[in-house]
């Protein structure tokens, strides 16, 4: 007799699935590139805010300012982000994704999409529709929570 799904069981199943998804991507995406997974996460965090103050970025990532600075330094050196001073407060350093960084993110998303397409082969059309409905609802909820 199977147990009813709970939020804990579903979240655990998802957490156990993600390493397999990521492991498949590592071979396709990170090997041969000069960007670490941590740098990619920072790049995605910056893009998620369009333009971000370094202090806000460090707090949002739960890292120290020197750690955030080192990661951003590498992204600046690679041409993925640029720094500028805040127009109203020159003490605040702003970072934003460059066109090269946006292209890198787009390439990452393409690899991720192809990986998910492979994984989703196991689902029937009605299951795919249900999964899409769930993802859409979760994206909306996360978007509302971020605002």
Protein backbone atom coordinates (compact mmCIF):
# COMPACT_ATOMS: atom_id res chain seq x y z
CA UNK A 1 0.00 0.00 0.00
CA UNK A 2 1.54 3.32 -1.03
CA UNK A 3 1.51 6.30 1.25
CA UNK A 4 -0.10 9.56 0.23
CA UNK A 5 2.37 12.15 -0.96
CA UNK A 6 3.35 14.77 1.57
CA UNK A 7 5.28 17.98 0.98
CA UNK A 8 8.25 16.37 2.73
CA UNK A 9 8.20 13.26 0.51
CA UNK A 10 7.76 15.29 -2.68
CA UNK A 11 10.52 17.76 -1.76
CA UNK A 12 12.84 14.87 -0.85
CA UNK A 13 12.11 13.14 -4.17
CA UNK A 14 12.84 16.39 -6.03
CA UNK A 15 16.04 16.95 -4.02
CA UNK A 16 17.15 13.41 -4.89
CA UNK A 17 16.36 13.95 -8.59
CA UNK A 18 18.34 17.19 -8.98
CA UNK A 19 21.85 15.71 -8.56
CA UNK A 20 21.12 13.32 -11.43
CA UNK A 21 19.93 16.20 -13.61
CA UNK A 22 22.96 18.31 -12.71
CA UNK A 23 25.43 15.43 -13.10
CA UNK A 24 24.33 14.95 -16.69
CA UNK A 25 24.73 18.66 -17.34
CA UNK A 26 28.20 18.91 -15.90
CA UNK A 27 29.59 16.73 -18.63
CA UNK A 28 27.82 18.77 -21.32
CA UNK A 29 28.30 22.24 -19.99
CA UNK A 30 31.01 22.93 -17.41
CA UNK A 31 33.85 20.86 -18.81
CA UNK A 32 35.93 23.05 -21.07
CA UNK A 33 34.46 26.31 -19.76
CA UNK A 34 36.15 28.62 -17.35
CA UNK A 35 33.11 29.18 -15.14
CA UNK A 36 32.42 27.26 -11.96
CA UNK A 37 28.99 26.25 -10.77
CA UNK A 38 29.27 28.85 -8.00
CA UNK A 39 30.05 31.57 -10.52
CA UNK A 40 27.07 30.46 -12.59
CA UNK A 41 24.80 30.71 -9.53
CA UNK A 42 26.08 34.23 -8.86
CA UNK A 43 25.58 35.18 -12.51
CA UNK A 44 22.00 33.88 -12.34
CA UNK A 45 21.41 35.77 -9.09
CA UNK A 46 22.66 39.00 -10.66
CA UNK A 47 20.47 38.54 -13.71
CA UNK A 48 17.49 37.73 -11.52
CA UNK A 49 17.76 41.22 -10.07
CA UNK A 50 18.56 42.91 -13.43
CA UNK A 51 21.11 45.10 -11.66
CA UNK A 52 22.29 44.40 -8.15
CA UNK A 53 24.18 46.16 -5.39
CA UNK A 54 27.14 44.07 -4.17
CA UNK A 55 25.94 44.20 -0.55
CA UNK A 56 22.47 42.97 -1.47
CA UNK A 57 23.99 40.27 -3.66
CA UNK A 58 26.29 39.03 -0.86
CA UNK A 59 23.43 38.94 1.65
CA UNK A 60 21.13 37.21 -0.82
CA UNK A 61 23.75 34.53 -1.46
CA UNK A 62 24.56 34.22 2.26
CA UNK A 63 28.25 34.87 1.67
CA UNK A 64 30.63 37.50 3.00
CA UNK A 65 31.30 40.62 0.98
CA UNK A 66 34.92 39.55 0.27
CA UNK A 67 33.68 36.18 -1.03
CA UNK A 68 31.09 37.83 -3.27
CA UNK A 69 33.73 40.29 -4.47
CA UNK A 70 36.15 37.50 -5.46
CA UNK A 71 33.45 35.66 -7.39
CA UNK A 72 32.32 38.84 -9.14
CA UNK A 73 35.97 39.74 -9.92
CA UNK A 74 36.29 36.50 -11.88
CA UNK A 75 33.02 37.15 -13.71
CA UNK A 76 34.15 40.68 -14.58
CA UNK A 77 37.51 39.34 -15.83
CA UNK A 78 35.64 36.84 -18.03
CA UNK A 79 33.41 39.62 -19.38
CA UNK A 80 30.16 38.17 -17.99
CA UNK A 81 29.31 41.06 -15.66
CA UNK A 82 30.29 44.71 -15.30
CA UNK A 83 30.61 46.93 -12.28
CA UNK A 84 29.49 50.50 -11.90
CA UNK A 85 28.80 52.89 -9.07
CA UNK A 86 25.27 53.65 -7.97
CA UNK A 87 24.17 56.98 -9.50
CA UNK A 88 22.91 58.28 -6.13
CA UNK A 89 25.61 56.83 -3.88
CA UNK A 90 29.08 56.29 -5.30
CA UNK A 91 29.99 54.07 -2.33
CA UNK A 92 27.59 51.41 -3.58
CA UNK A 93 28.97 49.11 -6.25
CA UNK A 94 26.43 47.79 -8.72
CA UNK A 95 26.89 44.70 -10.89
CA UNK A 96 24.94 43.76 -13.98
CA UNK A 97 25.09 41.01 -16.57
CA UNK A 98 26.75 41.92 -19.88
CA UNK A 99 25.53 40.69 -23.27
CA UNK A 100 28.26 38.03 -23.10
CA UNK A 101 26.93 36.95 -19.68
CA UNK A 102 23.37 36.87 -21.01
CA UNK A 103 24.51 34.67 -23.90
CA UNK A 104 26.27 32.35 -21.44
CA UNK A 105 23.07 32.06 -19.36
CA UNK A 106 21.07 31.39 -22.52
CA UNK A 107 23.50 28.63 -23.49
CA UNK A 108 23.22 27.13 -19.99
CA UNK A 109 19.43 27.20 -20.21
CA UNK A 110 19.57 25.44 -23.59
CA UNK A 111 21.69 22.65 -22.11
CA UNK A 112 19.34 22.43 -19.14
CA UNK A 113 16.31 22.33 -21.44
CA UNK A 114 17.83 19.50 -23.51
CA UNK A 115 18.64 17.58 -20.33
CA UNK A 116 15.06 17.95 -19.09
CA UNK A 117 13.72 16.92 -22.50
CA UNK A 118 15.66 13.67 -22.13
CA UNK A 119 14.33 13.11 -18.61
CA UNK A 120 10.74 13.97 -19.59
CA UNK A 121 10.72 11.21 -22.23
CA UNK A 122 9.48 8.95 -19.42
CA UNK A 123 6.21 10.88 -19.09
CA UNK A 124 2.98 10.37 -21.01
CA UNK A 125 1.26 13.41 -22.60
CA UNK A 126 -1.26 13.79 -19.76
CA UNK A 127 1.56 13.55 -17.21
CA UNK A 128 3.50 16.21 -19.13
CA UNK A 129 0.48 18.52 -19.00
CA UNK A 130 0.10 17.96 -15.26
CA UNK A 131 3.81 18.60 -14.73
CA UNK A 132 3.61 21.81 -16.79
CA UNK A 133 0.61 22.98 -14.76
CA UNK A 134 2.50 22.35 -11.52
CA UNK A 135 5.65 24.11 -12.74
CA UNK A 136 3.61 27.10 -13.91
CA UNK A 137 1.90 27.35 -10.53
CA UNK A 138 5.20 27.08 -8.65
CA UNK A 139 6.88 29.72 -10.85
CA UNK A 140 4.01 32.11 -10.19
CA UNK A 141 4.18 31.46 -6.46
CA UNK A 142 7.95 32.04 -6.38
CA UNK A 143 7.56 35.21 -8.45
CA UNK A 144 4.95 36.53 -6.01
CA UNK A 145 7.14 35.64 -3.02
CA UNK A 146 10.10 37.53 -4.53
CA UNK A 147 8.07 40.74 -4.83
